[in-house]
Amino acid sequence: MKITENHIDEAASFFSSSQGILQIGEQTYSEPICWQDGKVSIIPQTTIEELNEQIFISAIEIAENRPEVIIIGTGEKQKFLHPKIAAALSAYGVGLECMNTASACRTLVLLQGEGRSAWAWLWP
């Protein structure tokens, strides 16, 4: 078996805490964020239920680099988005995965370590 070390950019190191805080590198956030192409932005949606397919499609259409997958970190408990959102993203060749935020952070780091393009919408 060949073992290869993955080198992840320190700025992209994700950590999630149980106190409702997201930590990305040295920066902490207590509000929902979006991670796209190495950039963090605060998002206006305060709940998962406010997300719709147009939010994602608009971001994909203006992006320089289309993601392979969009990861939704739903907070402490896993929630799911409506299947029509996944279907709309599939038409653009983009997958959608929903999981609790701690799992989403671990998955994002893993995908980045593999050199894959992934975006994330994360709730603390």
Protein backbone atom coordinates (compact mmCIF):
# COMPACT_ATOMS: atom_id res chain seq x y z
CA MET A 1 0.00 0.00 0.00
CA LYS A 2 1.32 3.42 -0.95
CA ILE A 3 0.77 6.15 1.64
CA THR A 4 0.95 9.76 0.53
CA GLU A 5 0.93 12.74 2.85
CA ASN A 6 -1.59 15.42 1.96
CA HIS A 7 -0.49 19.00 2.49
CA ILE A 8 -3.38 21.32 3.22
CA ASP A 9 -3.08 25.09 3.13
CA GLU A 10 -3.14 26.33 6.73
CA ALA A 11 -5.72 28.99 5.84
CA ALA A 12 -8.10 26.22 4.81
CA SER A 13 -7.89 24.28 8.09
CA PHE A 14 -11.43 23.88 9.41
CA PHE A 15 -12.38 23.22 12.98
CA SER A 16 -15.85 23.15 14.46
CA SER A 17 -16.69 23.60 18.12
CA SER A 18 -19.76 22.56 20.03
CA GLN A 19 -20.34 26.09 21.33
CA GLY A 20 -21.85 27.28 18.05
CA ILE A 21 -18.58 28.63 16.66
CA LEU A 22 -16.89 27.87 13.35
CA GLN A 23 -13.14 28.29 13.20
CA ILE A 24 -11.33 28.62 9.88
CA GLY A 25 -7.64 29.00 10.37
CA GLU A 26 -7.33 31.67 13.06
CA GLN A 27 -10.71 33.32 12.31
CA THR A 28 -13.87 32.41 14.23
CA TYR A 29 -17.48 32.87 13.12
CA SER A 30 -20.72 32.61 15.07
CA GLU A 31 -22.97 33.12 12.04
CA PRO A 32 -23.58 30.98 8.94
CA ILE A 33 -20.85 31.21 6.32
CA CYS A 34 -20.14 30.20 2.76
CA TRP A 35 -16.72 28.85 1.74
CA GLN A 36 -16.02 29.23 -2.00
CA ASP A 37 -12.64 28.98 -3.68
CA GLY A 38 -10.77 29.69 -0.45
CA LYS A 39 -12.88 32.72 0.46
CA VAL A 40 -15.27 33.01 3.38
CA SER A 41 -18.39 35.14 3.28
CA ILE A 42 -21.18 35.61 5.80
CA ILE A 43 -24.48 34.50 4.28
CA PRO A 44 -27.86 36.20 4.85
CA GLN A 45 -29.76 32.94 5.36
CA THR A 46 -30.19 32.27 9.07
CA THR A 47 -31.69 28.78 8.69
CA ILE A 48 -31.11 25.83 6.38
CA GLU A 49 -34.73 26.03 5.26
CA GLU A 50 -34.06 29.41 3.62
CA LEU A 51 -31.73 27.85 1.04
CA ASN A 52 -33.08 27.28 -2.45
CA GLU A 53 -31.67 26.14 -5.77
CA GLN A 54 -31.35 29.69 -7.13
CA ILE A 55 -28.84 30.63 -4.42
CA PHE A 56 -26.52 27.84 -5.54
CA ILE A 57 -27.12 28.22 -9.28
CA SER A 58 -26.39 31.95 -9.15
CA ALA A 59 -23.10 31.26 -7.35
CA ILE A 60 -22.14 28.53 -9.85
CA GLU A 61 -22.93 30.67 -12.89
CA ILE A 62 -20.65 33.54 -11.82
CA ALA A 63 -17.84 31.39 -10.40
CA GLU A 64 -14.51 31.02 -12.15
CA ASN A 65 -14.15 27.46 -10.85
CA ARG A 66 -17.22 25.26 -10.61
CA PRO A 67 -17.17 22.91 -7.58
CA GLU A 68 -17.50 19.14 -7.84
CA VAL A 69 -19.65 19.15 -4.73
CA ILE A 70 -21.36 21.56 -2.37
CA ILE A 71 -21.36 20.52 1.26
CA ILE A 72 -24.04 21.80 3.62
CA GLY A 73 -23.11 21.77 7.31
CA THR A 74 -26.45 21.93 9.10
CA GLY A 75 -25.30 22.64 12.67
CA GLU A 76 -25.26 20.03 15.43
CA LYS A 77 -27.96 17.87 13.88
CA GLN A 78 -28.14 16.65 10.31
CA LYS A 79 -30.93 18.10 8.19
CA PHE A 80 -31.68 17.66 4.51
CA LEU A 81 -32.47 20.10 1.74
CA HIS A 82 -35.36 19.52 -0.65
CA PRO A 83 -34.47 16.95 -3.36
CA LYS A 84 -35.28 19.48 -6.10
CA ILE A 85 -32.18 21.45 -5.03
CA ALA A 86 -29.94 18.41 -5.55
CA ALA A 87 -31.62 17.78 -8.92
CA ALA A 88 -31.04 21.37 -10.06
CA LEU A 89 -27.36 21.21 -9.07
CA SER A 90 -26.97 17.85 -10.78
CA ALA A 91 -27.93 19.50 -14.06
CA TYR A 92 -24.78 21.63 -13.62
CA GLY A 93 -22.65 18.59 -12.78
CA VAL A 94 -22.41 19.55 -9.10
CA GLY A 95 -23.18 17.18 -6.24
CA LEU A 96 -24.89 18.17 -2.99
CA GLU A 97 -24.23 16.60 0.42
CA CYS A 98 -25.89 17.50 3.73
CA MET A 99 -24.38 16.57 7.10
CA ASN A 100 -23.82 18.02 10.54
CA THR A 101 -21.27 20.82 10.59
CA ALA A 102 -18.51 18.88 12.34
CA SER A 103 -18.70 16.19 9.64
CA ALA A 104 -18.88 18.84 6.92
CA CYS A 105 -15.67 20.46 8.16
CA ARG A 106 -13.83 17.13 8.21
CA THR A 107 -15.13 16.24 4.76
CA LEU A 108 -14.12 19.60 3.31
CA VAL A 109 -10.56 19.25 4.62
CA LEU A 110 -10.38 15.71 3.21
CA LEU A 111 -11.61 16.81 -0.23
CA GLN A 112 -9.20 19.75 -0.31
CA GLY A 113 -6.37 17.42 0.64
CA GLU A 114 -7.24 15.34 -2.41
CA GLY A 115 -7.13 18.47 -4.56
CA ARG A 116 -10.86 18.38 -5.28
CA SER A 117 -13.02 21.45 -5.68
CA ALA A 118 -15.66 21.75 -2.97
CA TRP A 119 -17.73 24.60 -1.61
CA ALA A 120 -19.48 24.67 1.74
CA TRP A 121 -22.40 26.44 3.38
CA LEU A 122 -21.87 26.00 7.12
CA TRP A 123 -24.06 26.72 10.14
CA PRO A 124 -22.36 26.81 13.56
